[in-house]
Protein backbone atom coordinates (compact mmCIF):
# COMPACT_ATOMS: atom_id res chain seq x y z
CA MET A 1 27.34 10.16 -9.86
CA ARG A 2 27.73 10.07 -5.88
CA ARG A 3 23.98 7.84 -5.72
CA ILE A 4 24.95 6.13 -8.84
CA LYS A 5 27.81 5.06 -6.53
CA ASP A 6 25.41 4.42 -3.86
CA LEU A 7 23.00 2.64 -5.18
CA VAL A 8 25.28 0.80 -6.94
CA ALA A 9 27.22 -0.10 -3.09
CA ASN A 10 24.37 -0.73 -1.79
CA ARG A 11 22.47 -3.49 -4.94
CA LEU A 12 25.95 -5.42 -4.31
CA MET A 13 25.89 -5.92 -0.69
CA LEU A 14 22.54 -6.33 -0.58
CA GLY A 15 23.37 -9.57 -3.27
CA VAL A 16 26.78 -10.67 -1.14
CA THR A 17 23.96 -10.82 1.85
CA ILE A 18 21.50 -12.57 -0.23
CA PHE A 19 23.34 -15.39 -1.18
CA VAL A 20 25.31 -15.81 1.55
CA SER A 21 21.71 -16.38 3.20
CA LEU A 22 21.07 -18.95 0.85
CA LEU A 23 24.55 -20.96 1.46
CA VAL A 24 22.57 -23.06 3.70
CA VAL A 25 19.16 -22.94 1.57
CA PHE A 26 22.15 -24.56 -1.10
CA ILE A 27 23.82 -26.61 0.98
CA ALA A 28 21.01 -28.36 2.06
CA ILE A 29 19.47 -28.71 -1.16
CA GLY A 30 22.90 -30.74 -2.38
CA LEU A 31 22.57 -32.65 0.66
CA ILE A 32 18.70 -33.56 0.26
CA THR A 33 20.04 -34.94 -3.46
CA LYS A 34 22.62 -36.85 -2.20
CA SER A 35 20.87 -38.06 0.47
CA TRP A 36 17.88 -38.93 -1.69
CA PRO A 37 18.82 -42.98 -3.44
CA ILE A 38 19.03 -43.75 0.08
CA MET A 39 15.95 -42.20 2.00
CA SER A 40 13.72 -43.33 -1.26
CA LEU A 41 14.59 -47.28 -0.63
CA LYS A 42 14.65 -47.77 2.81
CA PRO A 43 12.09 -46.40 5.17
CA LEU A 44 13.07 -43.47 7.41
CA PRO A 45 12.20 -44.95 10.98
CA GLU A 46 14.52 -47.57 9.50
CA LEU A 47 16.96 -45.60 8.62
CA LEU A 48 16.92 -43.55 11.91
CA PHE A 49 15.87 -45.97 15.03
CA SER A 50 17.51 -49.15 12.81
CA SER A 51 20.67 -50.48 15.69
CA THR A 52 21.77 -52.43 12.20
CA TRP A 53 25.11 -51.18 9.78
CA SER A 54 26.57 -53.29 7.85
CA PRO A 55 27.12 -51.94 4.39
CA MET A 56 28.35 -54.00 3.35
CA ASN A 57 25.28 -56.11 4.02
CA GLY A 58 22.81 -52.75 2.97
CA SER A 59 21.41 -52.60 6.10
CA PHE A 60 22.20 -49.26 7.85
CA GLY A 61 21.01 -48.11 10.81
CA PHE A 62 21.96 -44.79 11.92
CA TRP A 63 20.55 -45.17 16.09
CA PRO A 64 23.42 -46.05 17.53
CA PHE A 65 24.97 -43.01 15.70
CA ILE A 66 22.39 -40.07 16.99
CA VAL A 67 22.52 -41.71 19.95
CA GLY A 68 26.32 -41.51 20.00
CA THR A 69 26.88 -37.67 19.34
CA LEU A 70 23.72 -36.92 21.76
CA THR A 71 25.01 -38.59 24.91
CA VAL A 72 28.11 -37.37 24.58
CA THR A 73 26.31 -33.70 24.15
CA ALA A 74 24.60 -33.99 26.80
CA VAL A 75 27.12 -35.55 29.20
CA ALA A 76 29.31 -32.14 27.45
CA MET A 77 26.39 -30.18 28.19
CA VAL A 78 26.50 -31.30 32.05
CA ILE A 79 29.86 -30.39 32.95
CA ALA A 80 29.51 -27.66 30.73
CA ILE A 81 26.42 -25.11 32.31
CA PRO A 82 27.06 -24.78 35.21
CA LEU A 83 30.28 -24.38 34.92
CA CYS A 84 30.12 -21.40 32.12
CA ILE A 85 27.14 -20.03 34.42
CA LEU A 86 29.05 -19.27 37.98
CA THR A 87 32.18 -18.21 35.28
CA ALA A 88 29.45 -15.16 33.34
CA LEU A 89 28.16 -14.62 36.38
CA PHE A 90 32.08 -14.05 38.25
CA LEU A 91 33.33 -11.70 35.17
CA ALA A 92 29.66 -9.68 34.27
CA GLU A 93 29.36 -8.65 38.30
CA TYR A 94 32.32 -9.80 40.50
CA ALA A 95 35.67 -9.47 38.61
CA PRO A 96 37.68 -6.57 39.66
CA ASN A 97 38.60 -4.79 36.33
CA HIS A 98 42.37 -6.29 36.71
CA ILE A 99 40.90 -9.79 36.22
CA ARG A 100 38.60 -9.93 33.85
CA ASN A 101 40.74 -7.44 31.88
CA THR A 102 43.42 -10.78 32.22
CA MET A 103 40.60 -13.29 31.84
CA LYS A 104 38.53 -12.78 29.07
CA PRO A 105 41.13 -12.97 26.55
CA ILE A 106 42.58 -16.26 27.93
CA ILE A 107 38.53 -17.96 27.65
CA ASP A 108 38.36 -16.18 24.00
CA LEU A 109 41.51 -18.53 23.37
CA LEU A 110 40.10 -21.32 23.90
CA ALA A 111 38.18 -20.52 21.23
CA GLY A 112 40.98 -20.11 18.72
CA ILE A 113 42.16 -23.43 19.83
CA PRO A 114 42.47 -26.17 16.55
CA SER A 115 40.09 -29.13 17.96
CA VAL A 116 42.77 -31.81 16.94
CA VAL A 117 44.66 -29.76 19.69
CA TYR A 118 41.49 -30.34 22.31
CA GLY A 119 42.42 -33.90 21.32
CA LEU A 120 45.69 -34.92 21.89
CA VAL A 121 45.46 -33.42 25.16
CA GLY A 122 42.39 -35.96 25.56
CA ILE A 123 44.63 -38.66 24.62
CA LEU A 124 46.91 -37.55 27.19
CA ALA A 125 45.85 -36.13 30.55
CA VAL A 126 42.66 -37.19 30.02
CA ILE A 127 41.89 -40.43 28.96
CA PRO A 128 44.28 -40.88 31.42
CA VAL A 129 42.02 -39.92 34.81
CA VAL A 130 38.72 -40.87 33.46
CA ARG A 131 40.57 -45.00 33.13
CA GLU A 132 41.97 -44.44 36.69
CA ILE A 133 37.81 -42.82 37.58
CA ALA A 134 36.82 -46.04 35.97
CA ALA A 135 39.05 -48.06 38.49
CA ILE A 136 37.74 -46.95 41.26
CA PHE A 137 33.44 -48.14 40.21
CA GLY A 138 36.05 -51.57 39.43
CA ILE A 139 35.14 -50.75 35.67
CA SER A 140 37.69 -51.69 32.69
CA THR A 141 37.40 -49.15 29.92
CA THR A 142 40.56 -47.88 28.41
CA GLY A 143 39.70 -44.81 28.51
CA TYR A 144 37.46 -44.42 25.20
CA ASN A 145 34.48 -43.70 25.94
CA VAL A 146 32.14 -41.15 26.55
CA LEU A 147 32.87 -39.53 29.26
CA THR A 148 36.20 -38.41 27.75
CA GLY A 149 34.37 -37.42 25.24
CA GLY A 150 32.01 -34.76 26.82
CA ILE A 151 34.52 -32.98 29.21
CA VAL A 152 36.82 -32.48 26.18
CA LEU A 153 33.76 -31.02 24.42
CA ALA A 154 32.98 -29.43 27.56
CA ILE A 155 36.26 -27.63 26.90
CA MET A 156 35.61 -26.11 23.15
CA VAL A 157 32.04 -24.90 24.34
CA PHE A 158 33.63 -22.82 27.35
CA PRO A 159 33.84 -19.92 25.53
CA ILE A 160 31.00 -19.15 23.60
CA ILE A 161 28.73 -19.65 26.56
CA ILE A 162 30.92 -18.05 28.52
CA ALA A 163 31.37 -14.88 26.37
CA ILE A 164 27.41 -14.78 24.74
CA SER A 165 25.53 -15.12 29.15
CA GLU A 166 28.59 -12.02 29.80
CA GLU A 167 26.98 -10.43 27.81
CA VAL A 168 23.27 -10.75 28.67
CA ILE A 169 23.99 -10.48 31.90
CA LYS A 170 25.68 -7.44 31.88
CA ASN A 171 22.91 -5.92 29.23
CA VAL A 172 20.58 -6.48 32.03
CA PRO A 173 18.21 -3.19 32.99
CA ASN A 174 20.83 -0.52 35.61
CA ASP A 175 18.03 -0.08 37.44
CA MET A 176 16.58 -4.03 38.55
CA ARG A 177 20.23 -3.77 39.97
CA GLU A 178 19.45 0.05 41.74
CA VAL A 179 16.27 -1.40 42.53
CA SER A 180 17.04 -5.04 43.92
CA PHE A 181 20.05 -2.89 46.19
CA ALA A 182 17.76 -0.74 47.21
CA LEU A 183 15.07 -3.01 48.48
CA GLY A 184 18.47 -4.26 50.82
CA ALA A 185 19.21 -7.37 49.13
CA THR A 186 22.60 -8.32 48.79
CA LYS A 187 25.25 -8.96 45.75
CA TRP A 188 24.50 -12.49 45.56
CA GLN A 189 20.36 -11.95 46.04
CA ALA A 190 20.49 -9.12 43.86
CA THR A 191 22.62 -11.60 41.24
CA LYS A 192 20.80 -15.57 41.79
CA LEU A 193 16.84 -13.52 41.90
CA VAL A 194 17.60 -9.91 39.52
CA PHE A 195 20.20 -10.69 37.41
CA ALA A 196 20.46 -14.53 37.03
CA ARG A 197 16.66 -14.81 36.24
CA GLY A 198 16.50 -11.23 34.22
CA ALA A 199 19.29 -13.03 31.95
CA LEU A 200 17.76 -16.11 31.62
CA PRO A 201 16.57 -16.06 28.42
CA GLY A 202 19.27 -14.83 26.84
CA ILE A 203 21.63 -17.88 28.95
CA ILE A 204 18.90 -20.23 27.71
CA ALA A 205 20.37 -19.00 24.19
CA ALA A 206 24.28 -19.20 24.59
CA ILE A 207 23.12 -22.71 25.73
CA ILE A 208 21.60 -24.13 22.96
CA LEU A 209 24.45 -22.10 20.69
CA GLY A 210 26.78 -24.02 23.15
CA PHE A 211 24.92 -27.48 22.23
CA SER A 212 25.07 -26.93 18.41
CA ARG A 213 28.89 -26.39 18.21
CA ALA A 214 28.99 -29.52 20.56
CA PHE A 215 26.41 -31.09 18.62
CA GLY A 216 28.66 -30.88 14.96
CA GLU A 217 32.15 -31.80 16.78
CA THR A 218 33.88 -33.91 15.05
CA MET A 219 37.56 -34.71 14.93
CA ALA A 220 38.78 -33.73 19.33
CA VAL A 221 36.05 -36.54 19.30
CA LEU A 222 36.24 -38.51 16.52
CA MET A 223 40.12 -39.12 18.55
CA VAL A 224 38.44 -40.10 21.99
CA VAL A 225 35.11 -41.54 21.98
CA GLY A 226 36.09 -45.09 20.53
CA ASN A 227 34.15 -44.76 17.42
CA VAL A 228 32.69 -48.11 18.17
CA ALA A 229 29.43 -48.57 15.21
CA LYS A 230 27.18 -49.78 19.06
CA THR A 231 24.65 -48.07 21.46
CA PRO A 232 26.76 -46.55 25.32
CA SER A 233 25.02 -47.63 27.69
CA SER A 234 27.06 -46.10 29.94
CA ILE A 235 29.27 -43.11 29.60
CA PHE A 236 31.92 -45.38 30.21
CA ASP A 237 31.78 -47.68 27.51
CA PRO A 238 32.59 -45.68 23.36
CA ALA A 239 30.54 -44.29 20.64
CA TYR A 240 30.22 -43.27 16.96
CA PRO A 241 29.32 -40.26 16.94
CA LEU A 242 27.54 -39.30 13.82
CA ALA A 243 30.39 -36.29 12.59
CA ALA A 244 32.84 -38.64 13.47
CA LEU A 245 31.01 -41.61 11.45
CA ILE A 246 31.31 -39.35 8.04
CA ALA A 247 35.14 -37.94 8.66
CA ASN A 248 35.95 -41.55 9.23
CA ASN A 249 34.07 -43.03 6.09
CA TYR A 250 33.67 -40.94 3.51
CA GLY A 251 35.98 -41.24 0.19
CA GLU A 252 36.30 -44.69 1.98
CA MET A 253 34.13 -48.36 -0.08
CA MET A 254 32.51 -46.27 -1.33
CA SER A 255 31.91 -48.71 -4.28
CA ILE A 256 29.22 -50.51 -1.59
CA PRO A 257 25.84 -49.96 -3.03
CA LEU A 258 24.35 -46.49 -1.51
CA TYR A 259 27.01 -46.02 0.44
CA ASP A 260 27.81 -42.38 -0.05
CA SER A 261 24.55 -42.09 -0.03
CA ALA A 262 24.39 -42.75 3.57
CA ILE A 263 27.19 -40.90 4.95
CA MET A 264 25.66 -37.73 2.96
CA PHE A 265 21.86 -38.56 5.08
CA ALA A 266 24.75 -38.65 8.15
CA ALA A 267 25.53 -35.25 7.42
CA LEU A 268 21.69 -34.17 6.70
CA ILE A 269 20.53 -34.71 10.23
CA LEU A 270 23.23 -32.51 11.22
CA LEU A 271 22.92 -29.56 9.75
CA VAL A 272 19.29 -30.05 10.17
CA VAL A 273 19.21 -30.48 14.38
CA VAL A 274 22.57 -27.52 14.29
CA VAL A 275 20.72 -25.13 12.19
CA LEU A 276 17.60 -26.18 14.48
CA PHE A 277 18.80 -25.62 17.38
CA ASN A 278 20.84 -21.96 15.81
CA LEU A 279 17.54 -20.66 14.24
CA ALA A 280 15.57 -21.30 18.26
CA ALA A 281 18.96 -19.50 20.69
CA SER A 282 18.28 -16.69 17.20
CA TYR A 283 15.13 -16.54 18.44
CA ILE A 284 15.58 -16.07 21.84
CA LEU A 285 18.64 -13.86 22.44
CA ILE A 286 15.70 -11.89 20.17
CA LYS A 287 13.47 -11.65 22.49
CA VAL A 288 15.76 -10.87 25.29
CA GLU A 289 17.14 -8.12 23.09
CA ASN A 290 13.76 -6.73 22.32
CA ARG A 291 11.37 -7.40 26.41
CA TYR A 292 14.91 -5.17 27.07
CA ALA A 293 14.86 -2.86 25.09
CA SER A 294 10.37 -1.99 25.46
């Protein structure tokens, strides 16, 4: 009876694991099915690279939304990467225990704050600052632009990049630390030449995961980026990310032919990019673990 129970439990857990793993496949199949009407009528290059978005006239060019998504995400990562890496290095190598024990829960708390709260903070605090910065350069802007969206997104990805980077740095073998100090390296030299380089693949994976998080963010970006269906030419221009397009328009104007299919195609683009980047991050992390294990 004990073996039967063990076998049943094993098979049950295996089935649940397979089902959870196949959810991404089911979602992808559903999105492809829903997107097929527009993909069958419009060439893929036209959908991806056309800048004309006029659903009433049957024009569905996703280029402004793709560029807007990439631009906002790129600004966020440029801001977040140096701050997150330096914070992770400090927590892993320099911070006393009482400071580390105080700061880590606060940083982890950032991951649990709803995105709409980040959006409100962006409207109340970030937009006025960005407006003033633009005025210094003689640029007139409402503050609802790529830079504001990038700053808000950077704050949102802090916990992911910091947490993973810190763990990777702490997992650098102690032998590397001891050898570097035995050769007369200072703390900073050891950190720069040994710790950071030894943990570099894992840090890259953390950055990729942060990129995936930022790429698919919806509510906070929707509230601060301007939502203008035009390719941004600078960080002070408004943009319209794919996620905001879906959130703003799904369920509305669905009487327009192919409109529903176009929105599903936007969701499919997001899914493909996020899956690819997460697979890349997982591969890099596995390589790091295998290298240190050997």
